[in-house]
């Protein structure tokens, strides 16, 4: 039997495999598409998964209805071409649409849902309609119908598995979001040709040409100052050139409305962000000569500064995205030094396994405005304390209001720290910002009680800086929610605060 005969014999299974592959790949890519504009909170995942499941259900019903009325392989080809066309349109319009959806005044929940409906519903409905139609075409007799349908379903499940692992482990890093979508268009068109070789040939050739064109000549993202848009194995990284404090600055962003790291480009020294300068001042609270641990690297501006300023002290930096080190060397001038060690790991995973004792731990891990819940639970804070020397200090970057109805994040995190540490102190990074508004706050906690003399050591450093520390409160232990591994509604608290 020739290869062509084999393909024709199993073409329904092959199409089912491809549809399963495309659906799961498209679902994973959907998160990367939305992330720079709306973020990657649990609401993003919920909206994407919910919309795709609902769209598949609609597609199944539609495909079953059509299959009962007709029985033609041309219909399968048409559905595949419809999905390919819809994905192509998503690829060339997604940034413009998301810029406007993410820029409105609706909350993250509604933005995520609207974006998912607009971008992902139609392609998924078309793909969902293929499966019941394939089952209908496979029926040639009752004696073998169960086996044929089972083979088609199994092929779809195998395709889904291939889509999950190939995309997550390889394609994001190898191709990037835009090229993955173009690849899906080409694969669907090739499958449509297998089902109908001549009837839609003009459409098929046109779509192949357009998808190839977007790979060779990708559409420009018209975002002010954007220098590079990079898909890593963990996130989508955007790099901007902007002006901060009247100085040219290069900025790294992995989420909308938030800049994770930045360096000045004019050659003069200085830390670009107020909260990074706050971390630097707080570092003076560390017992002399003890090593630092930084959880959350970004462009590594803080750990690089700490290492350069304290050549006799080791600076261990834990960053979950291993490619950020390469990006930081290329775009942010990161230079390896003997006392700077970069560890690719999840922060909580590192803390769970860590046996080393540090004089100070800096926690600056975020996904959008939401910190990873596993780093802020009581169990994580216990591991942080276990990693400190006697008198060691932890400094935590929090985005929250100081008081009022939008201070839930601060109240919960502070209550959790007070469950583990003797006391805490909270500082506004920008003393002029209204306390009722979300902002960068610095929480300090130590294995020994903090007092005004200890805290004032941080205030006394670099008096010529415009940054002013101002102690705002020690939150009442009874306020807020205690965060645990079992119960840590971080996303809900962030949604209320913002």
Protein backbone atom coordinates (compact mmCIF):
# COMPACT_ATOMS: atom_id res chain seq x y z
CA UNK A 1 0.00 0.00 0.00
CA UNK A 2 1.45 3.39 -1.01
CA UNK A 3 1.91 6.28 1.41
CA UNK A 4 -0.87 8.17 -0.37
CA UNK A 5 -3.25 5.24 0.08
CA UNK A 6 -2.34 5.09 3.77
CA UNK A 7 -3.08 8.79 4.15
CA UNK A 8 -6.42 8.41 2.40
CA UNK A 9 -7.29 5.37 4.55
CA UNK A 10 -6.62 7.23 7.78
CA UNK A 11 -7.38 10.78 6.69
CA UNK A 12 -10.32 11.16 9.08
CA UNK A 13 -8.08 10.18 12.00
CA UNK A 14 -5.38 12.54 10.72
CA UNK A 15 -7.84 15.43 10.53
CA UNK A 16 -9.07 14.63 14.06
CA UNK A 17 -5.45 14.62 15.29
CA UNK A 18 -4.80 18.01 13.67
CA UNK A 19 -7.99 19.55 15.08
CA UNK A 20 -7.08 18.33 18.59
CA UNK A 21 -3.57 19.74 18.15
CA UNK A 22 -4.83 23.12 16.93
CA UNK A 23 -7.46 23.53 19.67
CA UNK A 24 -5.03 22.97 22.55
CA UNK A 25 -2.23 24.97 20.91
CA UNK A 26 -4.65 27.83 20.27
CA UNK A 27 -5.79 27.72 23.90
CA UNK A 28 -2.22 28.01 25.21
CA UNK A 29 -1.36 30.76 22.73
CA UNK A 30 -4.51 32.64 23.79
CA UNK A 31 -2.96 33.35 27.20
CA UNK A 32 0.18 34.81 25.58
CA UNK A 33 -1.97 36.93 23.29
CA UNK A 34 -3.92 38.48 26.15
CA UNK A 35 -1.11 38.79 28.72
CA UNK A 36 0.52 42.10 27.61
CA UNK A 37 -2.82 43.91 27.63
CA UNK A 38 -4.95 42.34 30.38
CA UNK A 39 -2.54 40.18 32.37
CA UNK A 40 -2.35 36.52 33.34
CA UNK A 41 -4.54 36.39 36.41
CA UNK A 42 -6.87 33.51 37.23
CA UNK A 43 -9.60 35.55 35.51
CA UNK A 44 -7.68 35.40 32.24
CA UNK A 45 -7.39 31.62 32.41
CA UNK A 46 -10.99 31.24 33.52
CA UNK A 47 -12.30 33.35 30.65
CA UNK A 48 -10.18 31.62 28.01
CA UNK A 49 -11.00 28.09 29.18
CA UNK A 50 -14.68 28.92 29.67
CA UNK A 51 -15.07 30.55 26.24
CA UNK A 52 -13.23 27.74 24.47
CA UNK A 53 -15.29 25.04 26.20
CA UNK A 54 -18.55 26.86 25.42
CA UNK A 55 -17.44 27.40 21.81
CA UNK A 56 -16.55 23.74 21.40
CA UNK A 57 -19.99 22.78 22.73
CA UNK A 58 -21.66 25.10 20.22
CA UNK A 59 -19.42 23.69 17.49
CA UNK A 60 -20.29 20.09 18.39
CA UNK A 61 -24.00 20.88 18.17
CA UNK A 62 -23.57 22.76 14.90
CA UNK A 63 -21.41 20.03 13.35
CA UNK A 64 -23.83 17.31 14.37
CA UNK A 65 -26.76 19.22 12.87
CA UNK A 66 -24.95 19.78 9.56
CA UNK A 67 -23.74 16.17 9.43
CA UNK A 68 -27.32 14.91 9.75
CA UNK A 69 -28.38 17.05 6.79
CA UNK A 70 -25.37 16.43 4.55
CA UNK A 71 -22.50 13.96 4.17
CA UNK A 72 -19.68 15.56 2.23
CA UNK A 73 -15.94 15.83 2.82
CA UNK A 74 -16.17 19.28 1.24
CA UNK A 75 -18.00 20.45 4.36
CA UNK A 76 -15.05 19.37 6.53
CA UNK A 77 -12.71 21.30 4.25
CA UNK A 78 -14.94 24.36 4.51
CA UNK A 79 -14.99 24.18 8.32
CA UNK A 80 -11.20 23.84 8.43
CA UNK A 81 -10.78 26.80 6.09
CA UNK A 82 -13.22 28.83 8.19
CA UNK A 83 -11.15 28.11 11.32
CA UNK A 84 -7.92 28.95 9.45
CA UNK A 85 -9.36 32.25 8.20
CA UNK A 86 -10.59 33.19 11.68
CA UNK A 87 -7.18 32.41 13.23
CA UNK A 88 -5.44 34.47 10.55
CA UNK A 89 -7.73 37.42 11.31
CA UNK A 90 -7.00 37.01 15.03
CA UNK A 91 -3.28 37.06 14.28
CA UNK A 92 -3.34 40.36 12.39
CA UNK A 93 -5.89 42.19 14.55
CA UNK A 94 -5.22 40.92 18.09
CA UNK A 95 -2.91 43.71 19.25
CA UNK A 96 -5.18 46.50 18.01
CA UNK A 97 -8.28 44.89 19.53
CA UNK A 98 -6.62 44.12 22.86
CA UNK A 99 -5.17 47.60 23.12
CA UNK A 100 -8.71 49.00 23.06
CA UNK A 101 -10.25 46.28 25.24
CA UNK A 102 -7.49 46.56 27.85
CA UNK A 103 -7.64 50.34 27.81
CA UNK A 104 -11.26 50.69 28.92
CA UNK A 105 -12.50 51.20 32.46
CA UNK A 106 -13.96 47.72 32.89
CA UNK A 107 -12.42 45.45 35.49
CA UNK A 108 -10.05 42.59 34.67
CA UNK A 109 -12.87 40.01 34.81
CA UNK A 110 -14.89 41.72 32.09
CA UNK A 111 -11.88 42.64 29.98
CA UNK A 112 -10.72 39.00 29.98
CA UNK A 113 -14.18 37.70 29.09
CA UNK A 114 -14.78 40.19 26.28
CA UNK A 115 -11.32 39.62 24.80
CA UNK A 116 -11.80 35.84 24.89
CA UNK A 117 -15.20 36.06 23.21
CA UNK A 118 -14.03 38.44 20.49
CA UNK A 119 -10.81 36.63 19.65
CA UNK A 120 -11.30 32.95 20.37
CA UNK A 121 -14.97 32.00 20.03
CA UNK A 122 -15.39 31.84 16.23
CA UNK A 123 -12.24 29.80 15.42
CA UNK A 124 -13.10 27.33 18.18
CA UNK A 125 -16.73 26.93 17.07
CA UNK A 126 -15.52 26.03 13.57
CA UNK A 127 -13.00 23.53 14.96
CA UNK A 128 -15.59 22.02 17.31
CA UNK A 129 -17.97 21.41 14.39
CA UNK A 130 -15.41 19.15 12.70
CA UNK A 131 -15.47 16.32 15.28
CA UNK A 132 -19.12 15.17 14.98
CA UNK A 133 -18.94 15.54 11.20
CA UNK A 134 -15.86 13.27 11.13
CA UNK A 135 -17.77 10.70 13.18
CA UNK A 136 -20.65 10.86 10.71
CA UNK A 137 -18.35 10.38 7.70
CA UNK A 138 -16.65 7.42 9.39
CA UNK A 139 -19.87 5.39 9.65
CA UNK A 140 -19.97 2.66 7.02
CA UNK A 141 -21.79 0.01 9.01
CA UNK A 142 -22.98 -0.73 12.53
CA UNK A 143 -20.57 -3.61 13.02
CA UNK A 144 -17.50 -1.34 12.97
CA UNK A 145 -18.95 2.04 13.93
CA UNK A 146 -17.77 1.87 17.55
CA UNK A 147 -14.17 1.17 16.59
CA UNK A 148 -14.09 3.86 13.90
CA UNK A 149 -15.49 6.55 16.19
CA UNK A 150 -13.14 5.42 18.97
CA UNK A 151 -10.14 5.74 16.62
CA UNK A 152 -11.20 9.23 15.59
CA UNK A 153 -11.68 10.32 19.21
CA UNK A 154 -8.36 8.75 20.22
CA UNK A 155 -6.60 10.58 17.39
CA UNK A 156 -8.11 13.86 18.58
CA UNK A 157 -6.96 13.21 22.14
CA UNK A 158 -3.44 12.38 20.94
CA UNK A 159 -3.42 15.58 18.91
CA UNK A 160 -4.42 17.55 21.99
CA UNK A 161 -1.57 15.98 23.97
CA UNK A 162 0.87 16.79 21.20
CA UNK A 163 -0.39 20.38 21.11
CA UNK A 164 0.02 20.84 24.87
CA UNK A 165 3.53 19.44 25.20
CA UNK A 166 4.97 20.62 21.89
CA UNK A 167 3.69 24.15 22.36
CA UNK A 168 4.57 24.48 26.04
CA UNK A 169 7.98 22.84 25.82
CA UNK A 170 9.19 23.97 22.40
CA UNK A 171 7.08 26.18 20.15
CA UNK A 172 6.81 29.26 22.38
CA UNK A 173 10.57 29.47 22.63
CA UNK A 174 11.26 28.38 19.05
CA UNK A 175 8.61 30.28 17.06
CA UNK A 176 6.83 32.83 19.25
CA UNK A 177 3.12 33.58 19.41
CA UNK A 178 2.65 35.20 16.02
CA UNK A 179 4.44 32.49 14.06
CA UNK A 180 2.62 29.74 15.94
CA UNK A 181 -0.71 31.18 14.79
CA UNK A 182 0.55 31.38 11.21
CA UNK A 183 1.69 27.76 11.50
CA UNK A 184 -1.80 26.73 12.66
CA UNK A 185 -3.32 28.44 9.62
CA UNK A 186 -0.99 26.52 7.28
CA UNK A 187 -1.69 23.18 9.01
CA UNK A 188 -5.46 23.68 8.79
CA UNK A 189 -5.28 24.64 5.13
CA UNK A 190 -3.18 21.55 4.37
CA UNK A 191 -5.80 19.41 6.12
CA UNK A 192 -8.59 21.06 4.14
CA UNK A 193 -6.75 20.15 0.94
CA UNK A 194 -6.66 16.55 2.08
CA UNK A 195 -10.46 16.60 2.39
CA UNK A 196 -11.19 18.59 -0.79
CA UNK A 197 -8.32 19.00 -3.25
CA UNK A 198 -9.77 21.22 -5.94
CA UNK A 199 -12.97 22.94 -4.91
CA UNK A 200 -11.35 25.49 -2.58
CA UNK A 201 -7.93 25.62 -4.20
CA UNK A 202 -7.89 29.40 -4.69
CA UNK A 203 -8.84 30.02 -1.06
CA UNK A 204 -6.28 27.48 0.12
CA UNK A 205 -3.44 29.00 -1.89
CA UNK A 206 -4.41 32.51 -0.76
CA UNK A 207 -4.42 31.57 2.93
CA UNK A 208 -1.09 29.73 2.63
CA UNK A 209 0.42 32.79 0.94
CA UNK A 210 -0.96 35.21 3.55
CA UNK A 211 0.19 33.06 6.47
CA UNK A 212 3.66 32.74 4.95
CA UNK A 213 3.77 36.48 4.35
CA UNK A 214 3.06 37.20 8.03
CA UNK A 215 5.94 34.89 8.99
CA UNK A 216 8.42 36.60 6.65
CA UNK A 217 7.06 40.11 7.18
CA UNK A 218 5.37 40.19 10.60
CA UNK A 219 2.95 43.08 11.18
CA UNK A 220 4.36 45.87 13.28
CA UNK A 221 3.01 46.45 16.77
CA UNK A 222 2.54 50.21 16.93
CA UNK A 223 3.33 50.72 20.60
CA UNK A 224 5.25 53.82 21.58
CA UNK A 225 8.88 53.04 22.36
CA UNK A 226 8.58 49.27 21.83
CA UNK A 227 12.03 47.84 21.04
CA UNK A 228 11.37 44.13 21.16
CA UNK A 229 8.55 41.64 21.76
CA UNK A 230 9.92 38.26 22.85
CA UNK A 231 8.19 35.00 23.71
CA UNK A 232 10.09 33.01 26.30
CA UNK A 233 9.19 29.56 27.54
CA UNK A 234 7.51 31.22 30.54
CA UNK A 235 6.07 34.57 29.46
CA UNK A 236 5.82 37.24 26.81
CA UNK A 237 8.44 39.96 27.38
CA UNK A 238 8.20 43.46 25.94
CA UNK A 239 11.07 45.96 26.03
CA UNK A 240 10.49 49.69 25.75
CA UNK A 241 12.57 52.83 25.55
CA UNK A 242 10.98 55.64 27.54
CA UNK A 243 11.95 58.70 29.56
CA UNK A 244 11.85 58.52 33.36
CA UNK A 245 12.93 61.45 35.54
CA UNK A 246 13.98 63.21 32.35
CA UNK A 247 16.44 60.44 31.53
CA UNK A 248 16.32 57.87 28.69
CA UNK A 249 15.39 54.54 30.20
CA UNK A 250 15.03 50.99 28.95
CA UNK A 251 12.14 49.13 30.56
CA UNK A 252 11.14 45.47 30.79
CA UNK A 253 7.45 44.58 31.01
CA UNK A 254 5.75 41.22 31.21
CA UNK A 255 2.26 42.48 32.05
CA UNK A 256 0.00 45.41 31.19
CA UNK A 257 0.26 48.61 33.15
CA UNK A 258 3.34 47.42 35.02
CA UNK A 259 7.06 47.87 34.46
CA UNK A 260 9.09 45.17 36.16
CA UNK A 261 12.62 46.53 35.67
CA UNK A 262 14.48 49.37 34.05
CA UNK A 263 17.93 50.87 33.55
CA UNK A 264 19.01 54.36 32.56
CA UNK A 265 20.62 54.60 29.12
CA UNK A 266 22.59 57.82 29.58
CA UNK A 267 25.58 56.17 31.25
CA UNK A 268 25.08 57.92 34.59
CA UNK A 269 24.57 55.69 37.66
CA UNK A 270 21.27 55.32 39.43
CA UNK A 271 18.35 52.96 39.99
CA UNK A 272 15.45 53.78 37.69
CA UNK A 273 12.43 52.92 39.88
CA UNK A 274 11.50 54.30 43.28
CA UNK A 275 10.62 50.90 44.70
CA UNK A 276 14.01 49.51 43.63
CA UNK A 277 15.69 52.42 45.41
CA UNK A 278 13.53 51.61 48.44
CA UNK A 279 14.86 48.04 48.38
CA UNK A 280 18.40 49.41 48.18
CA UNK A 281 17.89 51.61 51.26
CA UNK A 282 16.29 48.75 53.15
CA UNK A 283 19.35 46.59 52.43
CA UNK A 284 21.20 48.60 55.11
CA UNK A 285 19.08 46.79 57.70
CA UNK A 286 20.78 43.50 56.93
CA UNK A 287 23.33 42.16 59.42
CA UNK A 288 26.81 43.11 58.19
CA UNK A 289 28.55 40.69 55.89
CA UNK A 290 25.56 38.39 55.37
CA UNK A 291 24.40 37.29 51.93
CA UNK A 292 21.28 38.54 50.16
CA UNK A 293 18.50 36.55 48.49
CA UNK A 294 16.38 38.23 45.80
CA UNK A 295 13.19 36.43 44.72
CA UNK A 296 12.15 37.79 41.32
CA UNK A 297 14.87 38.97 38.96
CA UNK A 298 13.21 40.76 36.04
CA UNK A 299 16.08 42.57 34.31
CA UNK A 300 18.23 41.99 37.42
CA UNK A 301 18.77 45.69 38.11
CA UNK A 302 18.43 45.27 41.90
CA UNK A 303 20.63 42.17 42.33
CA UNK A 304 23.26 43.59 39.97
CA UNK A 305 23.33 46.83 41.99
CA UNK A 306 23.51 44.98 45.31
CA UNK A 307 26.36 42.82 44.03
CA UNK A 308 28.30 45.82 42.72
CA UNK A 309 27.75 47.83 45.93
CA UNK A 310 28.67 44.94 48.25
CA UNK A 311 31.56 43.04 46.63
CA UNK A 312 32.14 40.96 49.75
CA UNK A 313 28.52 39.79 49.97
CA UNK A 314 26.92 37.07 47.88
CA UNK A 315 23.69 37.92 46.05
CA UNK A 316 21.57 34.89 45.12
CA UNK A 317 18.74 35.73 42.71
CA UNK A 318 15.88 33.32 42.01
CA UNK A 319 14.05 33.92 38.72
CA UNK A 320 11.59 31.44 37.25
CA UNK A 321 12.16 32.54 33.63
CA UNK A 322 15.62 31.37 32.61
CA UNK A 323 15.62 33.37 29.38
CA UNK A 324 15.43 36.68 31.21
CA UNK A 325 19.14 36.40 31.99
CA UNK A 326 19.99 36.31 28.27
CA UNK A 327 17.53 39.13 27.55
CA UNK A 328 19.01 41.23 30.35
CA UNK A 329 22.53 40.78 29.02
CA UNK A 330 21.43 41.83 25.53
CA UNK A 331 19.16 44.76 26.37
CA UNK A 332 19.98 45.87 29.93
CA UNK A 333 23.74 45.51 30.16
CA UNK A 334 23.74 42.77 32.79
CA UNK A 335 27.34 41.80 33.54
CA UNK A 336 28.12 38.60 35.46
CA UNK A 337 30.13 39.11 38.65
CA UNK A 338 31.70 36.66 41.05
CA UNK A 339 29.25 37.44 43.86
CA UNK A 340 26.06 37.41 41.74
CA UNK A 341 24.44 34.00 41.35
CA UNK A 342 21.29 33.59 39.23
CA UNK A 343 19.16 30.54 39.98
CA UNK A 344 16.41 29.47 37.58
CA UNK A 345 13.61 28.22 39.80
CA UNK A 346 10.20 29.06 41.20
CA UNK A 347 10.71 31.13 44.34
CA UNK A 348 8.61 28.89 46.57
CA UNK A 349 10.30 25.77 45.25
CA UNK A 350 13.68 27.29 46.08
CA UNK A 351 12.56 28.26 49.59
CA UNK A 352 11.20 24.78 50.25
CA UNK A 353 14.58 23.22 49.45
CA UNK A 354 16.88 25.96 50.73
CA UNK A 355 19.24 25.29 53.64
CA UNK A 356 21.27 28.51 53.38
CA UNK A 357 20.85 31.42 55.81
CA UNK A 358 20.62 34.98 54.49
CA UNK A 359 20.95 38.37 56.15
CA UNK A 360 18.19 39.80 53.98
CA UNK A 361 15.56 38.46 51.59
CA UNK A 362 13.87 40.67 48.97
CA UNK A 363 10.53 39.47 47.58
CA UNK A 364 9.61 41.12 44.29
CA UNK A 365 7.70 38.51 42.31
CA UNK A 366 4.61 39.55 40.38
CA UNK A 367 2.33 38.42 37.60
CA UNK A 368 0.65 41.62 36.49
CA UNK A 369 -0.48 43.37 39.72
CA UNK A 370 -0.91 39.99 41.41
CA UNK A 371 1.89 38.32 43.35
CA UNK A 372 2.14 34.52 43.11
CA UNK A 373 -0.04 33.25 45.95
CA UNK A 374 2.41 30.46 46.82
CA UNK A 375 5.01 33.07 47.85
CA UNK A 376 2.67 34.90 50.23
CA UNK A 377 1.02 32.12 52.17
CA UNK A 378 1.76 31.44 55.83
CA UNK A 379 3.74 28.36 54.84
CA UNK A 380 5.90 30.40 52.42
CA UNK A 381 6.53 33.08 55.04
CA UNK A 382 7.61 30.37 57.47
CA UNK A 383 10.16 29.19 54.91
CA UNK A 384 11.35 32.79 54.46
CA UNK A 385 11.91 33.12 58.20
CA UNK A 386 13.73 29.78 58.28
CA UNK A 387 16.08 31.13 55.59
CA UNK A 388 17.12 34.20 57.65
CA UNK A 389 19.94 34.51 60.14
CA UNK A 390 19.05 35.82 63.63
CA UNK A 391 18.25 39.49 63.14
CA UNK A 392 17.73 38.94 59.41
CA UNK A 393 15.19 41.06 57.54
CA UNK A 394 12.72 40.41 54.74
CA UNK A 395 11.63 43.26 52.46
CA UNK A 396 8.49 42.73 50.37
CA UNK A 397 7.21 44.83 47.48
CA UNK A 398 3.40 45.09 47.66
CA UNK A 399 0.99 46.90 45.36
CA UNK A 400 -2.01 47.99 47.41
CA UNK A 401 -3.70 50.96 49.00
CA UNK A 402 -2.54 51.74 52.53
CA UNK A 403 -6.01 51.99 54.02
CA UNK A 404 -9.64 52.17 53.01
CA UNK A 405 -11.67 49.75 50.87
CA UNK A 406 -8.78 49.07 48.47
CA UNK A 407 -6.25 47.96 51.07
CA UNK A 408 -7.25 44.30 51.22
CA UNK A 409 -3.99 43.05 49.71
CA UNK A 410 -1.84 44.88 52.27
CA UNK A 411 -4.04 43.81 55.19
CA UNK A 412 -3.90 40.14 54.17
CA UNK A 413 -0.16 40.04 53.50
CA UNK A 414 0.69 41.94 56.66
CA UNK A 415 -1.54 39.72 58.79
CA UNK A 416 0.20 36.68 57.33
CA UNK A 417 3.66 38.09 58.08
CA UNK A 418 2.61 39.01 61.60
CA UNK A 419 1.59 35.39 62.16
CA UNK A 420 5.22 34.36 61.56
CA UNK A 421 7.35 37.40 62.51
CA UNK A 422 7.35 39.46 65.75
CA UNK A 423 6.18 42.63 64.00
CA UNK A 424 6.28 44.49 60.71
CA UNK A 425 6.63 48.00 59.36
CA UNK A 426 5.00 49.31 56.18
CA UNK A 427 6.35 52.22 54.14
CA UNK A 428 5.01 54.20 51.25
CA UNK A 429 7.56 54.34 48.45
CA UNK A 430 6.04 57.61 47.23
CA UNK A 431 5.19 59.58 50.35
CA UNK A 432 3.10 62.08 48.36
CA UNK A 433 0.69 59.51 46.94
CA UNK A 434 -2.75 59.35 48.55
CA UNK A 435 -3.00 56.44 50.97
CA UNK A 436 -6.36 55.34 49.58
CA UNK A 437 -4.86 54.64 46.12
CA UNK A 438 -3.03 51.46 45.04
CA UNK A 439 0.73 52.02 45.03
CA UNK A 440 4.10 50.42 45.73
CA UNK A 441 4.52 49.73 49.42
CA UNK A 442 7.51 48.26 51.23
CA UNK A 443 6.83 45.81 54.03
CA UNK A 444 9.69 45.03 56.41
CA UNK A 445 9.76 42.17 58.90
CA UNK A 446 12.59 40.78 60.98
CA UNK A 447 13.34 37.77 63.13
CA UNK A 448 13.90 40.31 65.92
CA UNK A 449 11.43 43.07 66.82
CA UNK A 450 11.78 46.21 64.70
CA UNK A 451 12.12 49.55 66.45
CA UNK A 452 12.43 53.15 65.35
CA UNK A 453 16.21 53.12 65.70
CA UNK A 454 16.49 50.09 63.43
CA UNK A 455 14.07 51.37 60.84
CA UNK A 456 15.67 54.81 60.81
CA UNK A 457 18.85 53.23 59.46
CA UNK A 458 17.03 52.84 56.16
CA UNK A 459 15.90 56.47 56.22
CA UNK A 460 19.39 57.79 56.91
CA UNK A 461 20.90 56.52 53.68
CA UNK A 462 21.28 58.71 50.59
CA UNK A 463 19.56 61.80 51.93
CA UNK A 464 19.95 63.66 48.63
CA UNK A 465 17.56 61.23 46.94
CA UNK A 466 14.04 62.44 46.22
CA UNK A 467 12.67 59.23 47.75
CA UNK A 468 11.24 59.76 51.22
CA UNK A 469 10.40 56.88 53.51
CA UNK A 470 7.35 57.45 55.62
CA UNK A 471 6.13 54.87 58.07
CA UNK A 472 2.40 54.64 57.53
CA UNK A 473 1.18 51.97 59.89
CA UNK A 474 1.64 48.65 61.57
CA UNK A 475 -1.51 46.86 60.50
CA UNK A 476 -3.77 45.45 63.22
CA UNK A 477 -3.17 41.73 63.54
CA UNK A 478 -6.91 41.07 63.53
CA UNK A 479 -7.57 42.79 60.21
CA UNK A 480 -7.28 41.16 56.82
CA UNK A 481 -7.34 37.51 55.81
CA UNK A 482 -4.67 35.01 56.76
CA UNK A 483 -3.20 33.63 53.53
CA UNK A 484 -2.41 29.92 53.44
CA UNK A 485 -1.53 27.36 50.78
CA UNK A 486 -5.11 26.15 51.06
CA UNK A 487 -6.77 29.58 50.96
CA UNK A 488 -5.08 32.56 49.32
CA UNK A 489 -7.55 34.63 47.25
CA UNK A 490 -4.82 36.90 45.88
CA UNK A 491 -6.55 37.58 42.56
CA UNK A 492 -9.80 38.48 44.30
CA UNK A 493 -8.00 40.90 46.62
CA UNK A 494 -6.20 42.51 43.70
CA UNK A 495 -9.43 42.89 41.74
CA UNK A 496 -11.06 44.67 44.67
CA UNK A 497 -8.05 46.91 45.20
CA UNK A 498 -7.94 47.92 41.56
